[in-house]
Amino acid sequence: MLVHNKGKYVRHAEEVMLVPGANQVESSDFERFSSHPLMKKLIDDGEIILQKRLKDMKPDDAIDLVKDTFSLAVLEEMKTVEKRKAVLEAIDSQAVVIQGKADESEE
């Protein structure tokens, strides 16, 4: 399942860690994580959000999530299920940002 940590900090509870941005988490792990009182509060406050599948999100929402994703593994997984051109382009652009590669035309 896709979990979005909208905060600026790594969140860790019940042996589950969420980095800022999108995280791929097993449902059983998220269940344990969300049972922790502090994490439950962060979920209730909207800092940690259980996301719909990327392909079920509106394009703009999906692109915003992609831009807040800092894991190449999560981005690669997103590419396997995504078909929309604009979202795929956002995934590729974010991968370039993460890898620190500048576009030759920008230099």
PDB file of N, CA and C in Angstrom:
ATOM      1  N   MET A   1       0.834  -1.172   0.000  1.00  0.00           N
ATOM      2  CA  MET A   1       0.000   0.000   0.000  1.00  0.00           C
ATOM      3  C   MET A   1       0.881   1.238   0.000  1.00  0.00           C
ATOM      4  N   LEU A   2       0.358   2.301  -0.523  1.00  0.00           N
ATOM      5  CA  LEU A   2       1.096   3.552  -0.644  1.00  0.00           C
ATOM      6  C   LEU A   2       0.713   4.454   0.526  1.00  0.00           C
ATOM      7  N   VAL A   3       1.724   4.881   1.273  1.00  0.00           N
ATOM      8  CA  VAL A   3       1.503   5.747   2.432  1.00  0.00           C
ATOM      9  C   VAL A   3       2.318   7.014   2.222  1.00  0.00           C
ATOM     10  N   HIS A   4       1.683   8.162   2.389  1.00  0.00           N
ATOM     11  CA  HIS A   4       2.337   9.447   2.163  1.00  0.00           C
ATOM     12  C   HIS A   4       2.629  10.107   3.509  1.00  0.00           C
ATOM     13  N   ASN A   5       3.906  10.280   3.810  1.00  0.00           N
ATOM     14  CA  ASN A   5       4.336  11.031   4.992  1.00  0.00           C
ATOM     15  C   ASN A   5       4.533  12.466   4.520  1.00  0.00           C
ATOM     16  N   LYS A   6       3.560  13.329   4.798  1.00  0.00           N
ATOM     17  CA  LYS A   6       3.607  14.708   4.332  1.00  0.00           C
ATOM     18  C   LYS A   6       4.480  15.585   5.219  1.00  0.00           C
ATOM     19  N   GLY A   7       4.960  15.022   6.324  1.00  0.00           N
ATOM     20  CA  GLY A   7       5.804  15.785   7.237  1.00  0.00           C
ATOM     21  C   GLY A   7       7.236  15.886   6.755  1.00  0.00           C
ATOM     22  N   LYS A   8       8.045  16.585   7.534  1.00  0.00           N
ATOM     23  CA  LYS A   8       9.449  16.798   7.190  1.00  0.00           C
ATOM     24  C   LYS A   8      10.363  15.810   7.901  1.00  0.00           C
ATOM     25  N   TYR A   9       9.799  14.915   8.683  1.00  0.00           N
ATOM     26  CA  TYR A   9      10.602  14.024   9.511  1.00  0.00           C
ATOM     27  C   TYR A   9      10.330  12.557   9.203  1.00  0.00           C
ATOM     28  N   VAL A  10      11.345  11.729   9.421  1.00  0.00           N
ATOM     29  CA  VAL A  10      11.168  10.282   9.336  1.00  0.00           C
ATOM     30  C   VAL A  10      10.317   9.885  10.533  1.00  0.00           C
ATOM     31  N   ARG A  11       9.332   9.054  10.293  1.00  0.00           N
ATOM     32  CA  ARG A  11       8.461   8.562  11.368  1.00  0.00           C
ATOM     33  C   ARG A  11       8.726   7.076  11.546  1.00  0.00           C
ATOM     34  N   HIS A  12       8.931   6.684  12.793  1.00  0.00           N
ATOM     35  CA  HIS A  12       9.299   5.304  13.076  1.00  0.00           C
ATOM     36  C   HIS A  12       8.493   4.816  14.271  1.00  0.00           C
ATOM     37  N   ALA A  13       7.770   3.711  14.092  1.00  0.00           N
ATOM     38  CA  ALA A  13       7.011   3.095  15.188  1.00  0.00           C
ATOM     39  C   ALA A  13       6.759   1.638  14.846  1.00  0.00           C
ATOM     40  N   GLU A  14       6.788   0.799  15.858  1.00  0.00           N
ATOM     41  CA  GLU A  14       6.474  -0.622  15.694  1.00  0.00           C
ATOM     42  C   GLU A  14       7.297  -1.275  14.581  1.00  0.00           C
ATOM     43  N   GLU A  15       8.582  -0.903  14.515  1.00  0.00           N
ATOM     44  CA  GLU A  15       9.522  -1.451  13.532  1.00  0.00           C
ATOM     45  C   GLU A  15       9.177  -1.093  12.080  1.00  0.00           C
ATOM     46  N   VAL A  16       8.413  -0.020  11.900  1.00  0.00           N
ATOM     47  CA  VAL A  16       8.064   0.474  10.564  1.00  0.00           C
ATOM     48  C   VAL A  16       8.584   1.902  10.464  1.00  0.00           C
ATOM     49  N   MET A  17       9.238   2.207   9.358  1.00  0.00           N
ATOM     50  CA  MET A  17       9.784   3.540   9.157  1.00  0.00           C
ATOM     51  C   MET A  17       9.176   4.159   7.899  1.00  0.00           C
ATOM     52  N   LEU A  18       8.737   5.405   8.038  1.00  0.00           N
ATOM     53  CA  LEU A  18       8.220   6.167   6.902  1.00  0.00           C
ATOM     54  C   LEU A  18       9.105   7.390   6.706  1.00  0.00           C
ATOM     55  N   VAL A  19       9.736   7.493   5.549  1.00  0.00           N
ATOM     56  CA  VAL A  19      10.512   8.680   5.218  1.00  0.00           C
ATOM     57  C   VAL A  19       9.547   9.735   4.682  1.00  0.00           C
ATOM     58  N   PRO A  20       9.948  11.003   4.679  1.00  0.00           N
ATOM     59  CA  PRO A  20       9.079  12.011   4.068  1.00  0.00           C
ATOM     60  C   PRO A  20       8.788  11.653   2.610  1.00  0.00           C
ATOM     61  N   GLY A  21       7.547  11.866   2.201  1.00  0.00           N
ATOM     62  CA  GLY A  21       7.132  11.527   0.841  1.00  0.00           C
ATOM     63  C   GLY A  21       6.394  10.205   0.802  1.00  0.00           C
ATOM     64  N   ALA A  22       6.347   9.601  -0.374  1.00  0.00           N
ATOM     65  CA  ALA A  22       5.612   8.349  -0.566  1.00  0.00           C
ATOM     66  C   ALA A  22       6.444   7.156  -0.114  1.00  0.00           C
ATOM     67  N   ASN A  23       5.776   6.205   0.516  1.00  0.00           N
ATOM     68  CA  ASN A  23       6.403   4.984   1.008  1.00  0.00           C
ATOM     69  C   ASN A  23       5.543   3.798   0.619  1.00  0.00           C
ATOM     70  N   GLN A  24       6.182   2.722   0.232  1.00  0.00           N
ATOM     71  CA  GLN A  24       5.469   1.473  -0.043  1.00  0.00           C
ATOM     72  C   GLN A  24       5.547   0.630   1.226  1.00  0.00           C
ATOM     73  N   VAL A  25       4.382   0.257   1.783  1.00  0.00           N
ATOM     74  CA  VAL A  25       4.324  -0.438   3.072  1.00  0.00           C
ATOM     75  C   VAL A  25       3.331  -1.596   2.964  1.00  0.00           C
ATOM     76  N   GLU A  26       3.681  -2.704   3.576  1.00  0.00           N
ATOM     77  CA  GLU A  26       2.739  -3.832   3.656  1.00  0.00           C
ATOM     78  C   GLU A  26       1.568  -3.444   4.560  1.00  0.00           C
ATOM     79  N   SER A  27       0.364  -3.921   4.252  1.00  0.00           N
ATOM     80  CA  SER A  27      -0.806  -3.557   5.064  1.00  0.00           C
ATOM     81  C   SER A  27      -0.663  -3.965   6.513  1.00  0.00           C
ATOM     82  N   SER A  28      -0.089  -5.132   6.769  1.00  0.00           N
ATOM     83  CA  SER A  28       0.078  -5.578   8.155  1.00  0.00           C
ATOM     84  C   SER A  28       1.049  -4.659   8.907  1.00  0.00           C
ATOM     85  N   ASP A  29       2.081  -4.171   8.217  1.00  0.00           N
ATOM     86  CA  ASP A  29       3.023  -3.234   8.839  1.00  0.00           C
ATOM     87  C   ASP A  29       2.348  -1.904   9.135  1.00  0.00           C
ATOM     88  N   PHE A  30       1.535  -1.425   8.186  1.00  0.00           N
ATOM     89  CA  PHE A  30       0.845  -0.156   8.418  1.00  0.00           C
ATOM     90  C   PHE A  30      -0.162  -0.284   9.555  1.00  0.00           C
ATOM     91  N   GLU A  31      -0.792  -1.423   9.663  1.00  0.00           N
ATOM     92  CA  GLU A  31      -1.738  -1.649  10.759  1.00  0.00           C
ATOM     93  C   GLU A  31      -1.019  -1.523  12.104  1.00  0.00           C
ATOM     94  N   ARG A  32       0.153  -2.145  12.226  1.00  0.00           N
ATOM     95  CA  ARG A  32       0.944  -2.044  13.457  1.00  0.00           C
ATOM     96  C   ARG A  32       1.383  -0.593  13.695  1.00  0.00           C
ATOM     97  N   PHE A  33       1.905   0.026  12.644  1.00  0.00           N
ATOM     98  CA  PHE A  33       2.384   1.404  12.713  1.00  0.00           C
ATOM     99  C   PHE A  33       1.270   2.338  13.184  1.00  0.00           C
ATOM    100  N   SER A  34       0.105   2.207  12.579  1.00  0.00           N
ATOM    101  CA  SER A  34      -1.005   3.117  12.876  1.00  0.00           C
ATOM    102  C   SER A  34      -1.637   2.867  14.237  1.00  0.00           C
ATOM    103  N   SER A  35      -1.301   1.765  14.876  1.00  0.00           N
ATOM    104  CA  SER A  35      -1.840   1.498  16.213  1.00  0.00           C
ATOM    105  C   SER A  35      -1.050   2.231  17.299  1.00  0.00           C
ATOM    106  N   HIS A  36       0.127   2.741  16.976  1.00  0.00           N
ATOM    107  CA  HIS A  36       0.928   3.498  17.937  1.00  0.00           C
ATOM    108  C   HIS A  36       0.223   4.835  18.196  1.00  0.00           C
ATOM    109  N   PRO A  37       0.079   5.243  19.457  1.00  0.00           N
ATOM    110  CA  PRO A  37      -0.679   6.468  19.778  1.00  0.00           C
ATOM    111  C   PRO A  37      -0.178   7.727  19.056  1.00  0.00           C
ATOM    112  N   LEU A  38       1.132   7.929  18.981  1.00  0.00           N
ATOM    113  CA  LEU A  38       1.651   9.119  18.306  1.00  0.00           C
ATOM    114  C   LEU A  38       1.357   9.072  16.808  1.00  0.00           C
ATOM    115  N   MET A  39       1.540   7.905  16.201  1.00  0.00           N
ATOM    116  CA  MET A  39       1.289   7.792  14.763  1.00  0.00           C
ATOM    117  C   MET A  39      -0.195   7.926  14.466  1.00  0.00           C
ATOM    118  N   LYS A  40      -1.035   7.410  15.358  1.00  0.00           N
ATOM    119  CA  LYS A  40      -2.484   7.567  15.189  1.00  0.00           C
ATOM    120  C   LYS A  40      -2.846   9.048  15.153  1.00  0.00           C
ATOM    121  N   LYS A  41      -2.222   9.841  16.025  1.00  0.00           N
ATOM    122  CA  LYS A  41      -2.475  11.287  16.036  1.00  0.00           C
ATOM    123  C   LYS A  41      -2.015  11.929  14.725  1.00  0.00           C
ATOM    124  N   LEU A  42      -0.839  11.537  14.239  1.00  0.00           N
ATOM    125  CA  LEU A  42      -0.343  12.097  12.972  1.00  0.00           C
ATOM    126  C   LEU A  42      -1.252  11.720  11.801  1.00  0.00           C
ATOM    127  N   ILE A  43      -1.799  10.525  11.850  1.00  0.00           N
ATOM    128  CA  ILE A  43      -2.757  10.093  10.818  1.00  0.00           C
ATOM    129  C   ILE A  43      -4.033  10.917  10.927  1.00  0.00           C
ATOM    130  N   ASP A  44      -4.542  11.069  12.148  1.00  0.00           N
ATOM    131  CA  ASP A  44      -5.753  11.868  12.365  1.00  0.00           C
ATOM    132  C   ASP A  44      -5.560  13.322  11.943  1.00  0.00           C
ATOM    133  N   ASP A  45      -4.336  13.846  12.126  1.00  0.00           N
ATOM    134  CA  ASP A  45      -4.027  15.235  11.763  1.00  0.00           C
ATOM    135  C   ASP A  45      -3.740  15.410  10.273  1.00  0.00           C
ATOM    136  N   GLY A  46      -3.663  14.296   9.517  1.00  0.00           N
ATOM    137  CA  GLY A  46      -3.437  14.377   8.070  1.00  0.00           C
ATOM    138  C   GLY A  46      -1.978  14.483   7.662  1.00  0.00           C
ATOM    139  N   GLU A  47      -1.052  14.285   8.602  1.00  0.00           N
ATOM    140  CA  GLU A  47       0.370  14.316   8.230  1.00  0.00           C
ATOM    141  C   GLU A  47       0.787  13.015   7.554  1.00  0.00           C
ATOM    142  N   ILE A  48       0.160  11.927   7.948  1.00  0.00           N
ATOM    143  CA  ILE A  48       0.402  10.627   7.325  1.00  0.00           C
ATOM    144  C   ILE A  48      -0.908  10.169   6.704  1.00  0.00           C
ATOM    145  N   ILE A  49      -0.860   9.878   5.411  1.00  0.00           N
ATOM    146  CA  ILE A  49      -2.079   9.568   4.667  1.00  0.00           C
ATOM    147  C   ILE A  49      -1.924   8.244   3.932  1.00  0.00           C
ATOM    148  N   LEU A  50      -2.909   7.397   4.088  1.00  0.00           N
ATOM    149  CA  LEU A  50      -2.984   6.171   3.302  1.00  0.00           C
ATOM    150  C   LEU A  50      -3.544   6.585   1.947  1.00  0.00           C
ATOM    151  N   GLN A  51      -2.742   6.425   0.895  1.00  0.00           N
ATOM    152  CA  GLN A  51      -3.111   6.895  -0.438  1.00  0.00           C
ATOM    153  C   GLN A  51      -3.889   5.838  -1.210  1.00  0.00           C
ATOM    154  N   LYS A  52      -4.669   6.346  -2.161  1.00  0.00           N
ATOM    155  CA  LYS A  52      -5.274   5.461  -3.155  1.00  0.00           C
ATOM    156  C   LYS A  52      -4.150   4.941  -4.030  1.00  0.00           C
ATOM    157  N   ARG A  53      -4.449   3.962  -4.836  1.00  0.00           N
ATOM    158  CA  ARG A  53      -3.460   3.536  -5.819  1.00  0.00           C
ATOM    159  C   ARG A  53      -3.204   4.709  -6.759  1.00  0.00           C
ATOM    160  N   LEU A  54      -1.970   4.849  -7.190  1.00  0.00           N
ATOM    161  CA  LEU A  54      -1.588   5.981  -8.033  1.00  0.00           C
ATOM    162  C   LEU A  54      -2.496   6.096  -9.245  1.00  0.00           C
ATOM    163  N   LYS A  55      -2.794   4.976  -9.878  1.00  0.00           N
ATOM    164  CA  LYS A  55      -3.604   5.021 -11.103  1.00  0.00           C
ATOM    165  C   LYS A  55      -5.047   5.431 -10.835  1.00  0.00           C
ATOM    166  N   ASP A  56      -5.483   5.397  -9.554  1.00  0.00           N
ATOM    167  CA  ASP A  56      -6.838   5.806  -9.202  1.00  0.00           C
ATOM    168  C   ASP A  56      -6.918   7.272  -8.768  1.00  0.00           C
ATOM    169  N   MET A  57      -5.779   7.931  -8.707  1.00  0.00           N
ATOM    170  CA  MET A  57      -5.741   9.330  -8.287  1.00  0.00           C
ATOM    171  C   MET A  57      -5.945  10.240  -9.492  1.00  0.00           C
ATOM    172  N   LYS A  58      -6.439  11.454  -9.234  1.00  0.00           N
ATOM    173  CA  LYS A  58      -6.524  12.461 -10.290  1.00  0.00           C
ATOM    174  C   LYS A  58      -5.104  12.764 -10.740  1.00  0.00           C
ATOM    175  N   PRO A  59      -4.904  13.088 -12.019  1.00  0.00           N
ATOM    176  CA  PRO A  59      -3.552  13.327 -12.516  1.00  0.00           C
ATOM    177  C   PRO A  59      -2.753  14.355 -11.701  1.00  0.00           C
ATOM    178  N   ASP A  60      -3.364  15.483 -11.363  1.00  0.00           N
ATOM    179  CA  ASP A  60      -2.637  16.501 -10.600  1.00  0.00           C
ATOM    180  C   ASP A  60      -2.235  15.997  -9.216  1.00  0.00           C
ATOM    181  N   ASP A  61      -3.115  15.236  -8.575  1.00  0.00           N
ATOM    182  CA  ASP A  61      -2.796  14.673  -7.263  1.00  0.00           C
ATOM    183  C   ASP A  61      -1.677  13.642  -7.374  1.00  0.00           C
ATOM    184  N   ALA A  62      -1.720  12.846  -8.427  1.00  0.00           N
ATOM    185  CA  ALA A  62      -0.681  11.834  -8.640  1.00  0.00           C
ATOM    186  C   ALA A  62       0.668  12.508  -8.885  1.00  0.00           C
ATOM    187  N   ILE A  63       0.678  13.573  -9.671  1.00  0.00           N
ATOM    188  CA  ILE A  63       1.923  14.292  -9.953  1.00  0.00           C
ATOM    189  C   ILE A  63       2.472  14.930  -8.679  1.00  0.00           C
ATOM    190  N   ASP A  64       1.599  15.502  -7.857  1.00  0.00           N
ATOM    191  CA  ASP A  64       2.053  16.075  -6.581  1.00  0.00           C
ATOM    192  C   ASP A  64       2.684  15.011  -5.698  1.00  0.00           C
ATOM    193  N   LEU A  65       2.088  13.833  -5.657  1.00  0.00           N
ATOM    194  CA  LEU A  65       2.647  12.737  -4.862  1.00  0.00           C
ATOM    195  C   LEU A  65       4.001  12.309  -5.422  1.00  0.00           C
ATOM    196  N   VAL A  66       4.103  12.217  -6.730  1.00  0.00           N
ATOM    197  CA  VAL A  66       5.374  11.835  -7.366  1.00  0.00           C
ATOM    198  C   VAL A  66       6.460  12.848  -7.001  1.00  0.00           C
ATOM    199  N   LYS A  67       6.128  14.136  -7.051  1.00  0.00           N
ATOM    200  CA  LYS A  67       7.110  15.180  -6.744  1.00  0.00           C
ATOM    201  C   LYS A  67       7.553  15.147  -5.281  1.00  0.00           C
ATOM    202  N   ASP A  68       6.791  14.480  -4.438  1.00  0.00           N
ATOM    203  CA  ASP A  68       7.140  14.367  -3.015  1.00  0.00           C
ATOM    204  C   ASP A  68       7.668  12.967  -2.698  1.00  0.00           C
ATOM    205  N   THR A  69       8.113  12.248  -3.717  1.00  0.00           N
ATOM    206  CA  THR A  69       8.644  10.893  -3.535  1.00  0.00           C
ATOM    207  C   THR A  69      10.151  10.932  -3.750  1.00  0.00           C
ATOM    208  N   PHE A  70      10.890  10.361  -2.788  1.00  0.00           N
ATOM    209  CA  PHE A  70      12.349  10.422  -2.840  1.00  0.00           C
ATOM    210  C   PHE A  70      12.992   9.046  -2.847  1.00  0.00           C
ATOM    211  N   SER A  71      12.211   8.037  -3.182  1.00  0.00           N
ATOM    212  CA  SER A  71      12.717   6.673  -3.278  1.00  0.00           C
ATOM    213  C   SER A  71      12.632   6.218  -4.733  1.00  0.00           C
ATOM    214  N   LEU A  72      13.788   5.883  -5.307  1.00  0.00           N
ATOM    215  CA  LEU A  72      13.779   5.385  -6.689  1.00  0.00           C
ATOM    216  C   LEU A  72      12.981   4.096  -6.809  1.00  0.00           C
ATOM    217  N   ALA A  73      13.046   3.255  -5.778  1.00  0.00           N
ATOM    218  CA  ALA A  73      12.293   1.996  -5.815  1.00  0.00           C
ATOM    219  C   ALA A  73      10.789   2.257  -5.885  1.00  0.00           C
ATOM    220  N   VAL A  74      10.313   3.217  -5.120  1.00  0.00           N
ATOM    221  CA  VAL A  74       8.880   3.545  -5.141  1.00  0.00           C
ATOM    222  C   VAL A  74       8.509   4.143  -6.497  1.00  0.00           C
ATOM    223  N   LEU A  75       9.359   5.018  -7.030  1.00  0.00           N
ATOM    224  CA  LEU A  75       9.084   5.594  -8.353  1.00  0.00           C
ATOM    225  C   LEU A  75       9.039   4.517  -9.434  1.00  0.00           C
ATOM    226  N   GLU A  76       9.975   3.578  -9.381  1.00  0.00           N
ATOM    227  CA  GLU A  76       9.980   2.493 -10.365  1.00  0.00           C
ATOM    228  C   GLU A  76       8.712   1.652 -10.253  1.00  0.00           C
ATOM    229  N   GLU A  77       8.262   1.411  -9.035  1.00  0.00           N
ATOM    230  CA  GLU A  77       7.022   0.651  -8.855  1.00  0.00           C
ATOM    231  C   GLU A  77       5.830   1.429  -9.412  1.00  0.00           C
ATOM    232  N   MET A  78       5.831   2.747  -9.205  1.00  0.00           N
ATOM    233  CA  MET A  78       4.762   3.588  -9.754  1.00  0.00           C
ATOM    234  C   MET A  78       4.701   3.452 -11.275  1.00  0.00           C
ATOM    235  N   LYS A  79       5.873   3.408 -11.916  1.00  0.00           N
ATOM    236  CA  LYS A  79       5.917   3.315 -13.377  1.00  0.00           C
ATOM    237  C   LYS A  79       5.292   2.025 -13.895  1.00  0.00           C
ATOM    238  N   THR A  80       5.320   0.966 -13.099  1.00  0.00           N
ATOM    239  CA  THR A  80       4.777  -0.307 -13.569  1.00  0.00           C
ATOM    240  C   THR A  80       3.258  -0.300 -13.660  1.00  0.00           C
ATOM    241  N   VAL A  81       2.603   0.603 -12.916  1.00  0.00           N
ATOM    242  CA  VAL A  81       1.134   0.619 -12.916  1.00  0.00           C
ATOM    243  C   VAL A  81       0.552   1.859 -13.588  1.00  0.00           C
ATOM    244  N   GLU A  82       1.385   2.835 -13.867  1.00  0.00           N
ATOM    245  CA  GLU A  82       0.906   4.100 -14.412  1.00  0.00           C
ATOM    246  C   GLU A  82       0.946   4.091 -15.933  1.00  0.00           C
ATOM    247  N   LYS A  83      -0.088   4.653 -16.562  1.00  0.00           N
ATOM    248  CA  LYS A  83      -0.164   4.724 -18.026  1.00  0.00           C
ATOM    249  C   LYS A  83      -0.262   6.160 -18.538  1.00  0.00           C
ATOM    250  N   ARG A  84      -0.628   7.097 -17.678  1.00  0.00           N
ATOM    251  CA  ARG A  84      -0.840   8.482 -18.116  1.00  0.00           C
ATOM    252  C   ARG A  84       0.496   9.167 -18.405  1.00  0.00           C
ATOM    253  N   LYS A  85       0.569   9.793 -19.571  1.00  0.00           N
ATOM    254  CA  LYS A  85       1.824  10.386 -20.048  1.00  0.00           C
ATOM    255  C   LYS A  85       2.361  11.444 -19.079  1.00  0.00           C
ATOM    256  N   ALA A  86       1.524  12.348 -18.611  1.00  0.00           N
ATOM    257  CA  ALA A  86       1.990  13.428 -17.728  1.00  0.00           C
ATOM    258  C   ALA A  86       2.539  12.877 -16.410  1.00  0.00           C
ATOM    259  N   VAL A  87       1.905  11.847 -15.888  1.00  0.00           N
ATOM    260  CA  VAL A  87       2.365  11.250 -14.627  1.00  0.00           C
ATOM    261  C   VAL A  87       3.676  10.507 -14.865  1.00  0.00           C
ATOM    262  N   LEU A  88       3.770   9.786 -15.964  1.00  0.00           N
ATOM    263  CA  LEU A  88       5.020   9.096 -16.291  1.00  0.00           C
ATOM    264  C   LEU A  88       6.174  10.085 -16.471  1.00  0.00           C
ATOM    265  N   GLU A  89       5.891  11.220 -17.102  1.00  0.00           N
ATOM    266  CA  GLU A  89       6.923  12.247 -17.263  1.00  0.00           C
ATOM    267  C   GLU A  89       7.355  12.799 -15.907  1.00  0.00           C
ATOM    268  N   ALA A  90       6.396  12.978 -14.998  1.00  0.00           N
ATOM    269  CA  ALA A  90       6.718  13.463 -13.652  1.00  0.00           C
ATOM    270  C   ALA A  90       7.586  12.448 -12.908  1.00  0.00           C
ATOM    271  N   ILE A  91       7.275  11.168 -13.086  1.00  0.00           N
ATOM    272  CA  ILE A  91       8.078  10.107 -12.452  1.00  0.00           C
ATOM    273  C   ILE A  91       9.503  10.159 -12.975  1.00  0.00           C
ATOM    274  N   ASP A  92       9.656  10.261 -14.290  1.00  0.00           N
ATOM    275  CA  ASP A  92      10.999  10.334 -14.884  1.00  0.00           C
ATOM    276  C   ASP A  92      11.747  11.580 -14.408  1.00  0.00           C
ATOM    277  N   SER A  93      11.068  12.715 -14.345  1.00  0.00           N
ATOM    278  CA  SER A  93      11.701  13.954 -13.876  1.00  0.00           C
ATOM    279  C   SER A  93      12.145  13.840 -12.428  1.00  0.00           C
ATOM    280  N   GLN A  94      11.313  13.250 -11.597  1.00  0.00           N
ATOM    281  CA  GLN A  94      11.663  13.099 -10.182  1.00  0.00           C
ATOM    282  C   GLN A  94      12.841  12.139 -10.016  1.00  0.00           C
ATOM    283  N   ALA A  95      12.910  11.107 -10.831  1.00  0.00           N
ATOM    284  CA  ALA A  95      14.039  10.179 -10.775  1.00  0.00           C
ATOM    285  C   ALA A  95      15.339  10.908 -11.112  1.00  0.00           C
ATOM    286  N   VAL A  96      15.281  11.810 -12.088  1.00  0.00           N
ATOM    287  CA  VAL A  96      16.459  12.600 -12.452  1.00  0.00           C
ATOM    288  C   VAL A  96      16.881  13.482 -11.274  1.00  0.00           C
ATOM    289  N   VAL A  97      15.922  14.110 -10.622  1.00  0.00           N
ATOM    290  CA  VAL A  97      16.218  14.963  -9.465  1.00  0.00           C
ATOM    291  C   VAL A  97      16.893  14.145  -8.360  1.00  0.00           C
ATOM    292  N   ILE A  98      16.365  12.989  -8.069  1.00  0.00           N
ATOM    293  CA  ILE A  98      16.908  12.143  -7.008  1.00  0.00           C
ATOM    294  C   ILE A  98      18.329  11.703  -7.330  1.00  0.00           C
ATOM    295  N   GLN A  99      18.548  11.359  -8.577  1.00  0.00           N
ATOM    296  CA  GLN A  99      19.860  10.881  -8.984  1.00  0.00           C
ATOM    297  C   GLN A  99      20.864  12.015  -9.177  1.00  0.00           C
ATOM    298  N   GLY A 100      20.386  13.254  -9.116  1.00  0.00           N
ATOM    299  CA  GLY A 100      21.272  14.397  -9.230  1.00  0.00           C
ATOM    300  C   GLY A 100      21.802  14.648 -10.622  1.00  0.00           C
ATOM    301  N   LYS A 101      21.092  14.178 -11.611  1.00  0.00           N
ATOM    302  CA  LYS A 101      21.516  14.364 -13.007  1.00  0.00           C
ATOM    303  C   LYS A 101      20.824  15.597 -13.570  1.00  0.00           C
ATOM    304  N   ALA A 102      21.594  16.510 -14.070  1.00  0.00           N
ATOM    305  CA  ALA A 102      21.026  17.719 -14.676  1.00  0.00           C
ATOM    306  C   ALA A 102      20.723  17.458 -16.137  1.00  0.00           C
ATOM    307  N   ASP A 103      19.651  18.040 -16.605  1.00  0.00           N
ATOM    308  CA  ASP A 103      19.314  17.967 -18.031  1.00  0.00           C
ATOM    309  C   ASP A 103      20.324  18.793 -18.813  1.00  0.00           C
ATOM    310  N   GLU A 104      20.899  18.221 -19.850  1.00  0.00           N
ATOM    311  CA  GLU A 104      21.939  18.888 -20.636  1.00  0.00           C
ATOM    312  C   GLU A 104      21.467  20.238 -21.172  1.00  0.00           C
ATOM    313  N   SER A 105      20.181  20.377 -21.495  1.00  0.00           N
ATOM    314  CA  SER A 105      19.678  21.621 -22.069  1.00  0.00           C
ATOM    315  C   SER A 105      19.614  22.734 -21.035  1.00  0.00           C
ATOM    316  N   GLU A 106      19.666  22.413 -19.731  1.00  0.00           N
ATOM    317  CA  GLU A 106      19.592  23.417 -18.679  1.00  0.00           C
ATOM    318  C   GLU A 106      20.955  23.988 -18.328  1.00  0.00           C
ATOM    319  N   GLU A 107      22.033  23.405 -18.810  1.00  0.00           N
ATOM    320  CA  GLU A 107      23.371  23.864 -18.433  1.00  0.00           C
ATOM    321  C   GLU A 107      23.844  25.009 -19.288  1.00  0.00           C
TER     322      GLU A 107
END
